[in-house]
Amino acid sequence: ALVESLSAAFEAAQKREDFRVILLRGRGDDFCAGADLSELEKVTREGPVASLADAKRLGGLLLQMRRHPKPIVAAVQGRALAGGCGLATACDLVLASEASEFGYPEVHLGFVPAMVMAILRKRLTEGKALEMVALGERYSASQALEMGLANRVFPADTFHEEVMAFAEALAARPSEALRLTKSLLYEQADLSVEAGIDRGAEVNVQARQTKACQAGVAAFLSRRKRDA
């Protein structure tokens, strides 16, 4: 149910031109403590076909987030564990409360955080990603920041205010520039250096044609003339 509701919300946000940034956070003390294991057990009993369909629903959500034209920011308070950690990892940027915890404890249940692995290994080094999923330990916000899983860590008592200030600053950037930046960054991951530079040239041209870029360049040149 959560996967389907998130997918619908992301789709709705994509159609809204007045939406600049998507902020994802949990309701309550935790960001997300993982999948409903009773539901997982139920689907498993239904057989491999049902399990595959269930897994692909989650995989489809992760791809939708990566391909979404708007930046998706995770605001992680409390625990982000297992599938919850995967949900945070799939966001473009991760803001963490200093009291938050991250982890992939699936190995303790004989399970694998398989759906998020392709994204996790891009956010971390391969060795750190393997350590995280193989040991199944929990990591503090400062550790998550150090290994590259989190982008910023804010004090717990001012977390909401810091998150909103960050989101508002991001939303103030030209939306078309953000869209092109996000899509090019992820596209580059699957290209050779040569192909990546060629693709970068194409996006460079697209960016130059946007009204925001043309206005920004004109304003910069106007200020420089006044200062001369």
C-alpha atoms as a PDB file:
ATOM      1  CA  ALA A   1       0.000   0.000   0.000  1.00  0.00           C
ATOM      2  CA  LEU A   2       2.826   2.414   0.837  1.00  0.00           C
ATOM      3  CA  VAL A   3       4.641   1.689  -2.431  1.00  0.00           C
ATOM      4  CA  GLU A   4       1.489   2.323  -4.442  1.00  0.00           C
ATOM      5  CA  SER A   5       0.579   5.520  -2.584  1.00  0.00           C
ATOM      6  CA  LEU A   6       4.104   6.910  -2.937  1.00  0.00           C
ATOM      7  CA  SER A   7       4.117   6.104  -6.632  1.00  0.00           C
ATOM      8  CA  ALA A   8       0.805   7.925  -7.087  1.00  0.00           C
ATOM      9  CA  ALA A   9       2.076  10.930  -5.119  1.00  0.00           C
ATOM     10  CA  PHE A  10       5.276  11.165  -7.175  1.00  0.00           C
ATOM     11  CA  GLU A  11       3.255  10.945 -10.386  1.00  0.00           C
ATOM     12  CA  ALA A  12       0.925  13.707  -9.221  1.00  0.00           C
ATOM     13  CA  ALA A  13       3.873  15.916  -8.217  1.00  0.00           C
ATOM     14  CA  GLN A  14       5.447  15.468 -11.636  1.00  0.00           C
ATOM     15  CA  LYS A  15       2.392  17.061 -13.253  1.00  0.00           C
ATOM     16  CA  ARG A  16       2.435  20.120 -10.987  1.00  0.00           C
ATOM     17  CA  GLU A  17       4.552  22.934 -12.393  1.00  0.00           C
ATOM     18  CA  ASP A  18       4.302  24.796  -9.087  1.00  0.00           C
ATOM     19  CA  PHE A  19       5.995  21.901  -7.254  1.00  0.00           C
ATOM     20  CA  ARG A  20       9.749  22.506  -7.271  1.00  0.00           C
ATOM     21  CA  VAL A  21      11.097  20.022  -4.694  1.00  0.00           C
ATOM     22  CA  ILE A  22       9.637  16.852  -3.165  1.00  0.00           C
ATOM     23  CA  LEU A  23      10.293  16.419   0.559  1.00  0.00           C
ATOM     24  CA  LEU A  24       9.811  12.889   1.866  1.00  0.00           C
ATOM     25  CA  ARG A  25       9.613  12.196   5.582  1.00  0.00           C
ATOM     26  CA  GLY A  26       7.955   9.817   7.980  1.00  0.00           C
ATOM     27  CA  ARG A  27       4.927  10.475  10.097  1.00  0.00           C
ATOM     28  CA  GLY A  28       5.891  10.016  13.720  1.00  0.00           C
ATOM     29  CA  ASP A  29       9.201   9.336  15.401  1.00  0.00           C
ATOM     30  CA  ASP A  30      10.809   7.321  12.567  1.00  0.00           C
ATOM     31  CA  PHE A  31      11.391   7.846   8.872  1.00  0.00           C
ATOM     32  CA  CYS A  32      10.587   4.204   8.033  1.00  0.00           C
ATOM     33  CA  ALA A  33      11.555   1.035   9.888  1.00  0.00           C
ATOM     34  CA  GLY A  34      11.145  -1.277   6.906  1.00  0.00           C
ATOM     35  CA  ALA A  35       8.614  -3.564   5.296  1.00  0.00           C
ATOM     36  CA  ASP A  36       5.653  -5.164   7.030  1.00  0.00           C
ATOM     37  CA  LEU A  37       7.117  -8.644   7.580  1.00  0.00           C
ATOM     38  CA  SER A  38       3.688 -10.227   8.016  1.00  0.00           C
ATOM     39  CA  GLU A  39       2.799  -8.970   4.541  1.00  0.00           C
ATOM     40  CA  LEU A  40       6.120 -10.242   3.216  1.00  0.00           C
ATOM     41  CA  GLU A  41       5.426 -13.674   4.706  1.00  0.00           C
ATOM     42  CA  LYS A  42       1.953 -13.709   3.167  1.00  0.00           C
ATOM     43  CA  VAL A  43       3.229 -12.884  -0.323  1.00  0.00           C
ATOM     44  CA  THR A  44       6.027 -15.449  -0.008  1.00  0.00           C
ATOM     45  CA  ARG A  45       3.495 -18.170   0.747  1.00  0.00           C
ATOM     46  CA  GLU A  46       1.697 -17.278  -2.483  1.00  0.00           C
ATOM     47  CA  GLY A  47       4.738 -18.435  -4.454  1.00  0.00           C
ATOM     48  CA  PRO A  48       7.586 -17.066  -6.591  1.00  0.00           C
ATOM     49  CA  VAL A  49       5.324 -15.403  -9.174  1.00  0.00           C
ATOM     50  CA  ALA A  50       3.583 -13.302  -6.526  1.00  0.00           C
ATOM     51  CA  SER A  51       6.934 -12.544  -4.848  1.00  0.00           C
ATOM     52  CA  LEU A  52       8.442 -11.369  -8.124  1.00  0.00           C
ATOM     53  CA  ALA A  53       5.474  -9.092  -8.823  1.00  0.00           C
ATOM     54  CA  ASP A  54       5.763  -7.661  -5.309  1.00  0.00           C
ATOM     55  CA  ALA A  55       9.504  -7.042  -5.691  1.00  0.00           C
ATOM     56  CA  LYS A  56       9.021  -5.419  -9.075  1.00  0.00           C
ATOM     57  CA  ARG A  57       6.474  -2.995  -7.603  1.00  0.00           C
ATOM     58  CA  LEU A  58       9.154  -1.732  -5.225  1.00  0.00           C
ATOM     59  CA  GLY A  59      11.739  -1.736  -8.003  1.00  0.00           C
ATOM     60  CA  GLY A  60       9.396   0.326 -10.149  1.00  0.00           C
ATOM     61  CA  LEU A  61       9.070   2.900  -7.364  1.00  0.00           C
ATOM     62  CA  LEU A  62      12.857   3.207  -7.008  1.00  0.00           C
ATOM     63  CA  LEU A  63      13.214   3.726 -10.759  1.00  0.00           C
ATOM     64  CA  GLN A  64      10.386   6.263 -10.737  1.00  0.00           C
ATOM     65  CA  MET A  65      12.212   8.241  -8.037  1.00  0.00           C
ATOM     66  CA  ARG A  66      15.492   8.175  -9.941  1.00  0.00           C
ATOM     67  CA  ARG A  67      13.805   9.267 -13.189  1.00  0.00           C
ATOM     68  CA  HIS A  68      11.596  11.895 -11.571  1.00  0.00           C
ATOM     69  CA  PRO A  69      12.310  15.367 -13.008  1.00  0.00           C
ATOM     70  CA  LYS A  70      12.180  17.069  -9.607  1.00  0.00           C
ATOM     71  CA  PRO A  71      14.701  16.636  -6.755  1.00  0.00           C
ATOM     72  CA  ILE A  72      13.466  14.248  -4.057  1.00  0.00           C
ATOM     73  CA  VAL A  73      14.834  15.000  -0.597  1.00  0.00           C
ATOM     74  CA  ALA A  74      14.624  12.553   2.311  1.00  0.00           C
ATOM     75  CA  ALA A  75      14.258  14.106   5.764  1.00  0.00           C
ATOM     76  CA  VAL A  76      15.309  11.250   8.046  1.00  0.00           C
ATOM     77  CA  GLN A  77      14.320  11.435  11.676  1.00  0.00           C
ATOM     78  CA  GLY A  78      14.572   8.405  13.955  1.00  0.00           C
ATOM     79  CA  ARG A  79      15.179   5.077  12.233  1.00  0.00           C
ATOM     80  CA  ALA A  80      15.620   4.396   8.527  1.00  0.00           C
ATOM     81  CA  LEU A  81      16.086   0.634   8.435  1.00  0.00           C
ATOM     82  CA  ALA A  82      15.871  -2.100   5.775  1.00  0.00           C
ATOM     83  CA  GLY A  83      13.323  -1.003   3.163  1.00  0.00           C
ATOM     84  CA  GLY A  84      13.130   2.344   4.946  1.00  0.00           C
ATOM     85  CA  CYS A  85      16.848   2.849   4.472  1.00  0.00           C
ATOM     86  CA  GLY A  86      16.366   1.795   0.853  1.00  0.00           C
ATOM     87  CA  LEU A  87      13.701   4.453   0.434  1.00  0.00           C
ATOM     88  CA  ALA A  88      16.047   7.115   1.811  1.00  0.00           C
ATOM     89  CA  THR A  89      18.932   5.849  -0.335  1.00  0.00           C
ATOM     90  CA  ALA A  90      16.750   6.146  -3.450  1.00  0.00           C
ATOM     91  CA  CYS A  91      16.138   9.837  -2.764  1.00  0.00           C
ATOM     92  CA  ASP A  92      18.401  12.332  -4.500  1.00  0.00           C
ATOM     93  CA  LEU A  93      19.484  14.035  -1.288  1.00  0.00           C
ATOM     94  CA  VAL A  94      19.365  12.829   2.324  1.00  0.00           C
ATOM     95  CA  LEU A  95      19.049  15.172   5.297  1.00  0.00           C
ATOM     96  CA  ALA A  96      19.479  13.463   8.649  1.00  0.00           C
ATOM     97  CA  SER A  97      18.670  14.384  12.207  1.00  0.00           C
ATOM     98  CA  GLU A  98      21.664  13.875  14.478  1.00  0.00           C
ATOM     99  CA  ALA A  99      19.526  11.366  16.399  1.00  0.00           C
ATOM    100  CA  SER A 100      18.711   9.244  13.338  1.00  0.00           C
ATOM    101  CA  GLU A 101      19.901   5.726  12.551  1.00  0.00           C
ATOM    102  CA  PHE A 102      20.505   3.989   9.220  1.00  0.00           C
ATOM    103  CA  GLY A 103      20.932   0.315   8.447  1.00  0.00           C
ATOM    104  CA  TYR A 104      20.206  -2.723   6.314  1.00  0.00           C
ATOM    105  CA  PRO A 105      19.614  -5.500   8.902  1.00  0.00           C
ATOM    106  CA  GLU A 106      18.053  -7.927   6.387  1.00  0.00           C
ATOM    107  CA  VAL A 107      20.988 -10.337   6.633  1.00  0.00           C
ATOM    108  CA  HIS A 108      19.976 -11.201  10.208  1.00  0.00           C
ATOM    109  CA  LEU A 109      16.728 -12.626   8.796  1.00  0.00           C
ATOM    110  CA  GLY A 110      18.504 -14.480   6.004  1.00  0.00           C
ATOM    111  CA  PHE A 111      17.200 -11.873   3.569  1.00  0.00           C
ATOM    112  CA  VAL A 112      18.912  -9.521   1.071  1.00  0.00           C
ATOM    113  CA  PRO A 113      18.280  -5.782   0.446  1.00  0.00           C
ATOM    114  CA  ALA A 114      18.268  -6.669  -3.224  1.00  0.00           C
ATOM    115  CA  MET A 115      16.076  -3.978  -4.753  1.00  0.00           C
ATOM    116  CA  VAL A 116      18.164  -1.029  -3.591  1.00  0.00           C
ATOM    117  CA  MET A 117      21.584  -2.610  -4.207  1.00  0.00           C
ATOM    118  CA  ALA A 118      22.068  -1.019  -7.638  1.00  0.00           C
ATOM    119  CA  ILE A 119      21.574   2.452  -6.138  1.00  0.00           C
ATOM    120  CA  LEU A 120      23.446   1.816  -2.884  1.00  0.00           C
ATOM    121  CA  ARG A 121      26.645   0.774  -4.691  1.00  0.00           C
ATOM    122  CA  LYS A 122      26.575   4.074  -6.578  1.00  0.00           C
ATOM    123  CA  ARG A 123      26.177   6.159  -3.430  1.00  0.00           C
ATOM    124  CA  LEU A 124      28.919   4.350  -1.484  1.00  0.00           C
ATOM    125  CA  THR A 125      32.145   2.612  -2.350  1.00  0.00           C
ATOM    126  CA  GLU A 126      31.648  -1.077  -3.137  1.00  0.00           C
ATOM    127  CA  GLY A 127      33.517  -2.070   0.022  1.00  0.00           C
ATOM    128  CA  LYS A 128      31.424   0.152   2.274  1.00  0.00           C
ATOM    129  CA  ALA A 129      28.198  -0.973   0.596  1.00  0.00           C
ATOM    130  CA  LEU A 130      29.143  -4.619   1.121  1.00  0.00           C
ATOM    131  CA  GLU A 131      30.065  -3.987   4.758  1.00  0.00           C
ATOM    132  CA  MET A 132      26.734  -2.291   5.362  1.00  0.00           C
ATOM    133  CA  VAL A 133      24.567  -5.061   3.900  1.00  0.00           C
ATOM    134  CA  ALA A 134      26.749  -8.029   4.935  1.00  0.00           C
ATOM    135  CA  LEU A 135      27.074  -7.089   8.613  1.00  0.00           C
ATOM    136  CA  GLY A 136      23.590  -5.617   8.963  1.00  0.00           C
ATOM    137  CA  GLU A 137      24.750  -3.099  11.555  1.00  0.00           C
ATOM    138  CA  ARG A 138      23.172   0.226  12.413  1.00  0.00           C
ATOM    139  CA  TYR A 139      24.948   3.473  11.610  1.00  0.00           C
ATOM    140  CA  SER A 140      24.604   6.868  13.274  1.00  0.00           C
ATOM    141  CA  ALA A 141      23.842  10.025  11.337  1.00  0.00           C
ATOM    142  CA  SER A 142      27.486  11.124  11.588  1.00  0.00           C
ATOM    143  CA  GLN A 143      28.639   7.761  10.211  1.00  0.00           C
ATOM    144  CA  ALA A 144      26.101   8.002   7.389  1.00  0.00           C
ATOM    145  CA  LEU A 145      27.445  11.458   6.550  1.00  0.00           C
ATOM    146  CA  GLU A 146      31.037  10.248   6.594  1.00  0.00           C
ATOM    147  CA  MET A 147      30.383   7.329   4.236  1.00  0.00           C
ATOM    148  CA  GLY A 148      28.279   9.413   1.830  1.00  0.00           C
ATOM    149  CA  LEU A 149      24.844   8.023   2.609  1.00  0.00           C
ATOM    150  CA  ALA A 150      23.662  11.356   4.059  1.00  0.00           C
ATOM    151  CA  ASN A 151      24.301  14.809   2.608  1.00  0.00           C
ATOM    152  CA  ARG A 152      23.702  16.931   5.710  1.00  0.00           C
ATOM    153  CA  VAL A 153      23.176  16.301   9.429  1.00  0.00           C
ATOM    154  CA  PHE A 154      21.160  18.788  11.474  1.00  0.00           C
ATOM    155  CA  PRO A 155      20.560  19.112  15.243  1.00  0.00           C
ATOM    156  CA  ALA A 156      17.501  17.197  16.401  1.00  0.00           C
ATOM    157  CA  ASP A 157      15.900  20.212  18.112  1.00  0.00           C
ATOM    158  CA  THR A 158      16.036  22.386  14.973  1.00  0.00           C
ATOM    159  CA  PHE A 159      15.690  19.602  12.402  1.00  0.00           C
ATOM    160  CA  HIS A 160      12.358  20.728  10.950  1.00  0.00           C
ATOM    161  CA  GLU A 161      13.502  24.332  10.502  1.00  0.00           C
ATOM    162  CA  GLU A 162      16.831  23.287   8.940  1.00  0.00           C
ATOM    163  CA  VAL A 163      15.116  20.877   6.552  1.00  0.00           C
ATOM    164  CA  MET A 164      12.632  23.505   5.404  1.00  0.00           C
ATOM    165  CA  ALA A 165      15.389  26.085   4.891  1.00  0.00           C
ATOM    166  CA  PHE A 166      17.369  23.588   2.803  1.00  0.00           C
ATOM    167  CA  ALA A 167      14.318  22.650   0.717  1.00  0.00           C
ATOM    168  CA  GLU A 168      13.401  26.288   0.165  1.00  0.00           C
ATOM    169  CA  ALA A 169      16.950  27.116  -0.948  1.00  0.00           C
ATOM    170  CA  LEU A 170      16.869  24.215  -3.400  1.00  0.00           C
ATOM    171  CA  ALA A 171      13.426  25.234  -4.665  1.00  0.00           C
ATOM    172  CA  ALA A 172      14.741  28.741  -5.352  1.00  0.00           C
ATOM    173  CA  ARG A 173      17.060  27.375  -8.052  1.00  0.00           C
ATOM    174  CA  PRO A 174      15.745  27.419 -11.650  1.00  0.00           C
ATOM    175  CA  SER A 175      13.576  24.315 -12.040  1.00  0.00           C
ATOM    176  CA  GLU A 176      14.703  23.518 -15.580  1.00  0.00           C
ATOM    177  CA  ALA A 177      18.362  23.662 -14.535  1.00  0.00           C
ATOM    178  CA  LEU A 178      17.624  21.282 -11.643  1.00  0.00           C
ATOM    179  CA  ARG A 179      15.789  18.893 -13.967  1.00  0.00           C
ATOM    180  CA  LEU A 180      18.627  18.807 -16.485  1.00  0.00           C
ATOM    181  CA  THR A 181      21.261  18.493 -13.748  1.00  0.00           C
ATOM    182  CA  LYS A 182      19.560  15.536 -12.072  1.00  0.00           C
ATOM    183  CA  SER A 183      18.838  13.646 -15.285  1.00  0.00           C
ATOM    184  CA  LEU A 184      22.361  14.167 -16.665  1.00  0.00           C
ATOM    185  CA  LEU A 185      24.031  13.131 -13.409  1.00  0.00           C
ATOM    186  CA  TYR A 186      22.235   9.774 -13.311  1.00  0.00           C
ATOM    187  CA  GLU A 187      22.513   9.220 -17.042  1.00  0.00           C
ATOM    188  CA  GLN A 188      26.301   9.677 -16.846  1.00  0.00           C
ATOM    189  CA  ALA A 189      26.590   6.696 -14.487  1.00  0.00           C
ATOM    190  CA  ASP A 190      25.954   4.275 -17.354  1.00  0.00           C
ATOM    191  CA  LEU A 191      28.065   6.012 -20.012  1.00  0.00           C
ATOM    192  CA  SER A 192      31.735   5.933 -20.936  1.00  0.00           C
ATOM    193  CA  VAL A 193      33.696   9.143 -20.348  1.00  0.00           C
ATOM    194  CA  GLU A 194      33.592   9.950 -24.070  1.00  0.00           C
ATOM    195  CA  ALA A 195      29.838   9.320 -24.349  1.00  0.00           C
ATOM    196  CA  GLY A 196      29.275  11.224 -21.119  1.00  0.00           C
ATOM    197  CA  ILE A 197      31.075  14.307 -22.404  1.00  0.00           C
ATOM    198  CA  ASP A 198      29.110  14.154 -25.655  1.00  0.00           C
ATOM    199  CA  ARG A 199      25.865  13.914 -23.719  1.00  0.00           C
ATOM    200  CA  GLY A 200      27.008  16.758 -21.483  1.00  0.00           C
ATOM    201  CA  ALA A 201      27.483  18.946 -24.556  1.00  0.00           C
ATOM    202  CA  GLU A 202      23.901  18.239 -25.632  1.00  0.00           C
ATOM    203  CA  VAL A 203      22.530  19.147 -22.202  1.00  0.00           C
ATOM    204  CA  ASN A 204      24.732  22.250 -22.159  1.00  0.00           C
ATOM    205  CA  VAL A 205      22.954  23.445 -25.314  1.00  0.00           C
ATOM    206  CA  GLN A 206      19.532  22.625 -23.826  1.00  0.00           C
ATOM    207  CA  ALA A 207      20.355  24.617 -20.691  1.00  0.00           C
ATOM    208  CA  ARG A 208      21.469  27.634 -22.719  1.00  0.00           C
ATOM    209  CA  GLN A 209      18.064  27.748 -24.429  1.00  0.00           C
ATOM    210  CA  THR A 210      16.091  28.029 -21.187  1.00  0.00           C
ATOM    211  CA  LYS A 211      14.679  31.405 -20.162  1.00  0.00           C
ATOM    212  CA  ALA A 212      16.213  31.095 -16.694  1.00  0.00           C
ATOM    213  CA  CYS A 213      19.722  30.647 -18.101  1.00  0.00           C
ATOM    214  CA  GLN A 214      19.377  33.486 -20.583  1.00  0.00           C
ATOM    215  CA  ALA A 215      18.005  35.789 -17.898  1.00  0.00           C
ATOM    216  CA  GLY A 216      20.749  34.756 -15.463  1.00  0.00           C
ATOM    217  CA  VAL A 217      23.528  35.443 -17.965  1.00  0.00           C
ATOM    218  CA  ALA A 218      21.974  38.782 -18.933  1.00  0.00           C
ATOM    219  CA  ALA A 219      21.686  39.833 -15.285  1.00  0.00           C
ATOM    220  CA  PHE A 220      25.299  38.838 -14.582  1.00  0.00           C
ATOM    221  CA  LEU A 221      26.595  40.817 -17.585  1.00  0.00           C
ATOM    222  CA  SER A 222      24.469  43.816 -16.595  1.00  0.00           C
ATOM    223  CA  ARG A 223      25.938  43.809 -13.060  1.00  0.00           C
ATOM    224  CA  ARG A 224      29.464  43.527 -14.459  1.00  0.00           C
ATOM    225  CA  LYS A 225      28.901  46.552 -16.707  1.00  0.00           C
ATOM    226  CA  ARG A 226      27.627  48.582 -13.755  1.00  0.00           C
ATOM    227  CA  ASP A 227      30.665  47.618 -11.664  1.00  0.00           C
ATOM    228  CA  ALA A 228      33.160  48.445 -14.437  1.00  0.00           C
END
